């Protein structure tokens, strides 16, 4: 899926037209439509990504939410003793 196609899909999911996304991102007239044939600049991608509350990498498909947590230790996986609370008698140790 191209960047243009991804933005078009996101716009539809958010109930917006491409022109509305373009305007909210403060891009030049019909800039997003030009991305059918050209690659957008990183600065333009950042502006559009902000409209959808995501990173440019997520917008282009280079990264996903899964990538953010994969391989990282999650607090919930540590099996915290005492339910995550330190007993008073251990506080001063």
C-alpha atoms as a PDB file:
ATOM      1  CA  UNK A   1       0.000   0.000   0.000  1.00  0.00           C
ATOM      2  CA  UNK A   2       1.412   3.394  -0.972  1.00  0.00           C
ATOM      3  CA  UNK A   3       1.589   6.366   1.375  1.00  0.00           C
ATOM      4  CA  UNK A   4      -1.174   8.038  -0.615  1.00  0.00           C
ATOM      5  CA  UNK A   5      -3.422   4.974  -0.331  1.00  0.00           C
ATOM      6  CA  UNK A   6      -2.727   4.693   3.397  1.00  0.00           C
ATOM      7  CA  UNK A   7      -3.626   8.364   3.971  1.00  0.00           C
ATOM      8  CA  UNK A   8      -6.759   7.995   1.873  1.00  0.00           C
ATOM      9  CA  UNK A   9      -7.812   4.978   3.967  1.00  0.00           C
ATOM     10  CA  UNK A  10      -7.077   6.775   7.251  1.00  0.00           C
ATOM     11  CA  UNK A  11      -9.020   9.824   6.105  1.00  0.00           C
ATOM     12  CA  UNK A  12     -12.040   7.666   5.337  1.00  0.00           C
ATOM     13  CA  UNK A  13     -11.768   5.889   8.712  1.00  0.00           C
ATOM     14  CA  UNK A  14     -11.725   9.303  10.428  1.00  0.00           C
ATOM     15  CA  UNK A  15     -14.664  10.605   8.383  1.00  0.00           C
ATOM     16  CA  UNK A  16     -12.546  13.131   6.526  1.00  0.00           C
ATOM     17  CA  UNK A  17     -11.835  13.933   2.897  1.00  0.00           C
ATOM     18  CA  UNK A  18      -8.282  14.185   1.595  1.00  0.00           C
ATOM     19  CA  UNK A  19      -8.826  17.928   1.162  1.00  0.00           C
ATOM     20  CA  UNK A  20      -9.762  18.206   4.852  1.00  0.00           C
ATOM     21  CA  UNK A  21      -6.644  16.278   5.881  1.00  0.00           C
ATOM     22  CA  UNK A  22      -4.591  18.463   3.554  1.00  0.00           C
ATOM     23  CA  UNK A  23      -6.036  21.638   5.133  1.00  0.00           C
ATOM     24  CA  UNK A  24      -5.644  20.425   8.732  1.00  0.00           C
ATOM     25  CA  UNK A  25      -2.007  19.595   7.989  1.00  0.00           C
ATOM     26  CA  UNK A  26      -1.493  23.095   6.524  1.00  0.00           C
ATOM     27  CA  UNK A  27      -0.123  21.743   3.260  1.00  0.00           C
ATOM     28  CA  UNK A  28      -0.207  23.434  -0.121  1.00  0.00           C
ATOM     29  CA  UNK A  29      -3.257  23.070  -2.343  1.00  0.00           C
ATOM     30  CA  UNK A  30      -3.935  19.421  -3.184  1.00  0.00           C
ATOM     31  CA  UNK A  31      -0.480  18.342  -1.965  1.00  0.00           C
ATOM     32  CA  UNK A  32      -1.678  14.929  -0.824  1.00  0.00           C
ATOM     33  CA  UNK A  33      -3.111  14.199  -4.271  1.00  0.00           C
ATOM     34  CA  UNK A  34       0.359  14.760  -5.776  1.00  0.00           C
ATOM     35  CA  UNK A  35       1.652  11.950  -3.581  1.00  0.00           C
ATOM     36  CA  UNK A  36       0.030   9.489  -5.974  1.00  0.00           C
ATOM     37  CA  UNK A  37       3.028  10.143  -8.239  1.00  0.00           C
ATOM     38  CA  UNK A  38       5.732  11.606  -5.992  1.00  0.00           C
ATOM     39  CA  UNK A  39       7.161  10.930  -2.558  1.00  0.00           C
ATOM     40  CA  UNK A  40       6.208  13.438   0.144  1.00  0.00           C
ATOM     41  CA  UNK A  41       8.858  15.216   2.185  1.00  0.00           C
ATOM     42  CA  UNK A  42       9.422  14.073   5.744  1.00  0.00           C
ATOM     43  CA  UNK A  43       8.137  17.426   7.044  1.00  0.00           C
ATOM     44  CA  UNK A  44       4.887  16.978   5.122  1.00  0.00           C
ATOM     45  CA  UNK A  45       4.514  13.439   6.464  1.00  0.00           C
ATOM     46  CA  UNK A  46       4.986  14.745  10.018  1.00  0.00           C
ATOM     47  CA  UNK A  47       2.193  17.274   9.492  1.00  0.00           C
ATOM     48  CA  UNK A  48      -0.216  14.641   8.179  1.00  0.00           C
ATOM     49  CA  UNK A  49       0.791  12.174  10.904  1.00  0.00           C
ATOM     50  CA  UNK A  50      -0.151  14.783  13.536  1.00  0.00           C
ATOM     51  CA  UNK A  51      -3.644  15.021  12.026  1.00  0.00           C
ATOM     52  CA  UNK A  52      -4.085  11.292  12.707  1.00  0.00           C
ATOM     53  CA  UNK A  53      -2.216  11.356  16.036  1.00  0.00           C
ATOM     54  CA  UNK A  54       0.520   8.982  14.898  1.00  0.00           C
ATOM     55  CA  UNK A  55       4.173   8.998  13.928  1.00  0.00           C
ATOM     56  CA  UNK A  56       5.386   9.401  10.338  1.00  0.00           C
ATOM     57  CA  UNK A  57       6.644   5.805  10.463  1.00  0.00           C
ATOM     58  CA  UNK A  58       3.199   4.561  11.448  1.00  0.00           C
ATOM     59  CA  UNK A  59       1.661   6.683   8.704  1.00  0.00           C
ATOM     60  CA  UNK A  60       3.875   5.169   6.024  1.00  0.00           C
ATOM     61  CA  UNK A  61       3.601   1.637   7.415  1.00  0.00           C
ATOM     62  CA  UNK A  62       7.277   1.484   8.386  1.00  0.00           C
ATOM     63  CA  UNK A  63       6.311   0.917  12.031  1.00  0.00           C
ATOM     64  CA  UNK A  64       3.332  -0.434  13.910  1.00  0.00           C
ATOM     65  CA  UNK A  65       2.175  -0.422  17.510  1.00  0.00           C
ATOM     66  CA  UNK A  66       3.447  -3.994  17.764  1.00  0.00           C
ATOM     67  CA  UNK A  67       6.962  -2.766  16.926  1.00  0.00           C
ATOM     68  CA  UNK A  68       6.878  -0.404  19.899  1.00  0.00           C
ATOM     69  CA  UNK A  69       6.420  -3.182  22.454  1.00  0.00           C
ATOM     70  CA  UNK A  70       7.981  -6.189  20.763  1.00  0.00           C
ATOM     71  CA  UNK A  71      11.066  -7.373  22.602  1.00  0.00           C
ATOM     72  CA  UNK A  72      10.573  -4.930  25.475  1.00  0.00           C
ATOM     73  CA  UNK A  73       9.824  -6.019  29.015  1.00  0.00           C
ATOM     74  CA  UNK A  74       6.391  -4.981  30.134  1.00  0.00           C
ATOM     75  CA  UNK A  75       5.692  -4.218  33.813  1.00  0.00           C
ATOM     76  CA  UNK A  76       2.752  -6.589  33.805  1.00  0.00           C
ATOM     77  CA  UNK A  77       5.092  -9.417  32.758  1.00  0.00           C
ATOM     78  CA  UNK A  78       7.462  -8.982  35.692  1.00  0.00           C
ATOM     79  CA  UNK A  79       5.226 -10.634  38.260  1.00  0.00           C
ATOM     80  CA  UNK A  80       5.687  -7.881  40.810  1.00  0.00           C
ATOM     81  CA  UNK A  81       5.781  -9.203  44.385  1.00  0.00           C
ATOM     82  CA  UNK A  82       3.320  -7.839  46.929  1.00  0.00           C
ATOM     83  CA  UNK A  83       0.981  -6.740  44.155  1.00  0.00           C
ATOM     84  CA  UNK A  84       3.415  -3.985  43.190  1.00  0.00           C
ATOM     85  CA  UNK A  85       3.349  -2.366  46.655  1.00  0.00           C
ATOM     86  CA  UNK A  86       6.371  -2.301  48.947  1.00  0.00           C
ATOM     87  CA  UNK A  87       5.534  -3.362  52.527  1.00  0.00           C
ATOM     88  CA  UNK A  88       6.319  -0.758  55.186  1.00  0.00           C
ATOM     89  CA  UNK A  89       8.944  -2.978  56.841  1.00  0.00           C
ATOM     90  CA  UNK A  90      10.932  -3.083  53.593  1.00  0.00           C
ATOM     91  CA  UNK A  91      10.775   0.623  52.763  1.00  0.00           C
ATOM     92  CA  UNK A  92      13.886   1.561  54.755  1.00  0.00           C
ATOM     93  CA  UNK A  93      16.034  -1.334  53.495  1.00  0.00           C
END
